[in-house]
Amino acid sequence: MKPRIHPVSRPVVFRDRAADVAFLIHSTAQSAQRVEWEDGNTYPVIDVEISSASHPFYTGTSRVLDTAGRVERFERRYGTAASARN
């Protein structure tokens, strides 16, 4: 890597408010807020709305959409007019 063209990577705590979970990872993100971590050191903290701990794709709690209801509504609205043309 070329020197002095990449941002500085440092340990940062990302705190997921929805799942009440925190992750300590390296990042280039900056924050004025700080938090004391489990190892006794103080790190910058960034609050996030959603992470892998609370996202439905990763947790397996995705919602099932009512596609049958949507299809029936579409057929009620447009089904008779579409079949009459053919």
C-alpha atoms as a PDB file:
ATOM      1  CA  MET A   1       0.000   0.000   0.000  1.00  0.00           C
ATOM      2  CA  LYS A   2       1.129   3.522  -0.678  1.00  0.00           C
ATOM      3  CA  PRO A   3       1.923   5.473   2.483  1.00  0.00           C
ATOM      4  CA  ARG A   4      -0.236   8.439   3.588  1.00  0.00           C
ATOM      5  CA  ILE A   5      -3.149   7.885   1.184  1.00  0.00           C
ATOM      6  CA  HIS A   6      -5.275   5.543   3.306  1.00  0.00           C
ATOM      7  CA  PRO A   7      -7.355   6.629   6.303  1.00  0.00           C
ATOM      8  CA  VAL A   8      -6.208   5.516   9.740  1.00  0.00           C
ATOM      9  CA  SER A   9      -7.941   2.381  10.994  1.00  0.00           C
ATOM     10  CA  ARG A  10      -8.411   2.095  14.752  1.00  0.00           C
ATOM     11  CA  PRO A  11     -10.578   0.102  17.193  1.00  0.00           C
ATOM     12  CA  VAL A  12     -14.133   1.471  17.397  1.00  0.00           C
ATOM     13  CA  VAL A  13     -17.168   0.186  19.306  1.00  0.00           C
ATOM     14  CA  PHE A  14     -20.354  -0.115  17.255  1.00  0.00           C
ATOM     15  CA  ARG A  15     -23.396  -0.306  19.533  1.00  0.00           C
ATOM     16  CA  ASP A  16     -26.664  -1.698  18.150  1.00  0.00           C
ATOM     17  CA  ARG A  17     -29.490  -0.055  20.077  1.00  0.00           C
ATOM     18  CA  ALA A  18     -32.196  -2.430  18.776  1.00  0.00           C
ATOM     19  CA  ALA A  19     -30.474  -5.612  19.990  1.00  0.00           C
ATOM     20  CA  ASP A  20     -28.534  -4.038  22.886  1.00  0.00           C
ATOM     21  CA  VAL A  21     -25.275  -5.512  21.551  1.00  0.00           C
ATOM     22  CA  ALA A  22     -21.871  -3.900  21.046  1.00  0.00           C
ATOM     23  CA  PHE A  23     -19.029  -4.889  18.704  1.00  0.00           C
ATOM     24  CA  LEU A  24     -15.381  -3.847  18.958  1.00  0.00           C
ATOM     25  CA  ILE A  25     -13.893  -3.774  15.463  1.00  0.00           C
ATOM     26  CA  HIS A  26     -11.359  -1.769  13.476  1.00  0.00           C
ATOM     27  CA  SER A  27     -12.849   1.081  11.480  1.00  0.00           C
ATOM     28  CA  THR A  28     -11.996   4.430   9.947  1.00  0.00           C
ATOM     29  CA  ALA A  29     -15.177   5.998  11.372  1.00  0.00           C
ATOM     30  CA  GLN A  30     -14.759   8.783  13.911  1.00  0.00           C
ATOM     31  CA  SER A  31     -16.859   9.719  16.917  1.00  0.00           C
ATOM     32  CA  ALA A  32     -16.606  12.232  19.743  1.00  0.00           C
ATOM     33  CA  GLN A  33     -18.433   9.895  22.143  1.00  0.00           C
ATOM     34  CA  ARG A  34     -16.384   7.342  24.046  1.00  0.00           C
ATOM     35  CA  VAL A  35     -17.221   4.227  26.027  1.00  0.00           C
ATOM     36  CA  GLU A  36     -15.255   1.966  28.350  1.00  0.00           C
ATOM     37  CA  TRP A  37     -14.959  -1.534  26.895  1.00  0.00           C
ATOM     38  CA  GLU A  38     -14.725  -4.883  28.712  1.00  0.00           C
ATOM     39  CA  ASP A  39     -10.909  -4.805  28.602  1.00  0.00           C
ATOM     40  CA  GLY A  40     -10.825  -1.545  30.600  1.00  0.00           C
ATOM     41  CA  ASN A  41      -9.760   0.664  27.669  1.00  0.00           C
ATOM     42  CA  THR A  42     -11.799   3.572  26.340  1.00  0.00           C
ATOM     43  CA  TYR A  43     -12.818   3.534  22.662  1.00  0.00           C
ATOM     44  CA  PRO A  44     -14.901   5.779  20.386  1.00  0.00           C
ATOM     45  CA  VAL A  45     -18.500   4.540  20.143  1.00  0.00           C
ATOM     46  CA  ILE A  46     -20.909   4.774  17.207  1.00  0.00           C
ATOM     47  CA  ASP A  47     -24.588   3.989  17.740  1.00  0.00           C
ATOM     48  CA  VAL A  48     -26.308   2.173  14.876  1.00  0.00           C
ATOM     49  CA  GLU A  49     -29.974   1.399  14.294  1.00  0.00           C
ATOM     50  CA  ILE A  50     -29.472  -2.073  12.881  1.00  0.00           C
ATOM     51  CA  SER A  51     -26.625  -4.589  12.649  1.00  0.00           C
ATOM     52  CA  SER A  52     -26.172  -8.298  12.081  1.00  0.00           C
ATOM     53  CA  ALA A  53     -27.469  -8.877  15.620  1.00  0.00           C
ATOM     54  CA  SER A  54     -30.873  -7.335  14.860  1.00  0.00           C
ATOM     55  CA  HIS A  55     -31.325  -7.550  11.066  1.00  0.00           C
ATOM     56  CA  PRO A  56     -34.030 -10.061  10.038  1.00  0.00           C
ATOM     57  CA  PHE A  57     -31.821 -11.605   7.339  1.00  0.00           C
ATOM     58  CA  TYR A  58     -29.156 -12.621   9.874  1.00  0.00           C
ATOM     59  CA  THR A  59     -31.478 -13.497  12.754  1.00  0.00           C
ATOM     60  CA  GLY A  60     -33.886 -15.588  10.660  1.00  0.00           C
ATOM     61  CA  THR A  61     -36.960 -13.700  11.845  1.00  0.00           C
ATOM     62  CA  SER A  62     -38.028 -12.326   8.487  1.00  0.00           C
ATOM     63  CA  ARG A  63     -41.673 -11.472   7.885  1.00  0.00           C
ATOM     64  CA  VAL A  64     -43.761 -13.426   5.433  1.00  0.00           C
ATOM     65  CA  LEU A  65     -45.657 -11.161   3.068  1.00  0.00           C
ATOM     66  CA  ASP A  66     -49.280 -11.864   2.283  1.00  0.00           C
ATOM     67  CA  THR A  67     -48.810 -12.427  -1.440  1.00  0.00           C
ATOM     68  CA  ALA A  68     -52.002 -14.450  -1.793  1.00  0.00           C
ATOM     69  CA  GLY A  69     -54.052 -11.536  -0.515  1.00  0.00           C
ATOM     70  CA  ARG A  70     -52.362  -9.179  -2.931  1.00  0.00           C
ATOM     71  CA  VAL A  71     -52.992 -11.478  -5.891  1.00  0.00           C
ATOM     72  CA  GLU A  72     -56.660 -11.890  -4.956  1.00  0.00           C
ATOM     73  CA  ARG A  73     -57.095  -8.120  -4.683  1.00  0.00           C
ATOM     74  CA  PHE A  74     -55.449  -7.646  -8.075  1.00  0.00           C
ATOM     75  CA  GLU A  75     -57.711 -10.267  -9.654  1.00  0.00           C
ATOM     76  CA  ARG A  76     -60.795  -8.670  -8.098  1.00  0.00           C
ATOM     77  CA  ARG A  77     -59.827  -5.287  -9.477  1.00  0.00           C
ATOM     78  CA  TYR A  78     -58.431  -6.195 -12.875  1.00  0.00           C
ATOM     79  CA  GLY A  79     -59.130  -9.886 -13.458  1.00  0.00           C
ATOM     80  CA  THR A  80     -62.531  -9.570 -15.114  1.00  0.00           C
ATOM     81  CA  ALA A  81     -61.493  -6.712 -17.405  1.00  0.00           C
ATOM     82  CA  ALA A  82     -58.305  -8.513 -18.473  1.00  0.00           C
ATOM     83  CA  SER A  83     -60.094 -11.782 -19.217  1.00  0.00           C
ATOM     84  CA  ALA A  84     -62.883 -10.021 -21.158  1.00  0.00           C
ATOM     85  CA  ARG A  85     -60.350  -8.506 -23.593  1.00  0.00           C
ATOM     86  CA  ASN A  86     -58.847 -11.897 -24.524  1.00  0.00           C
END
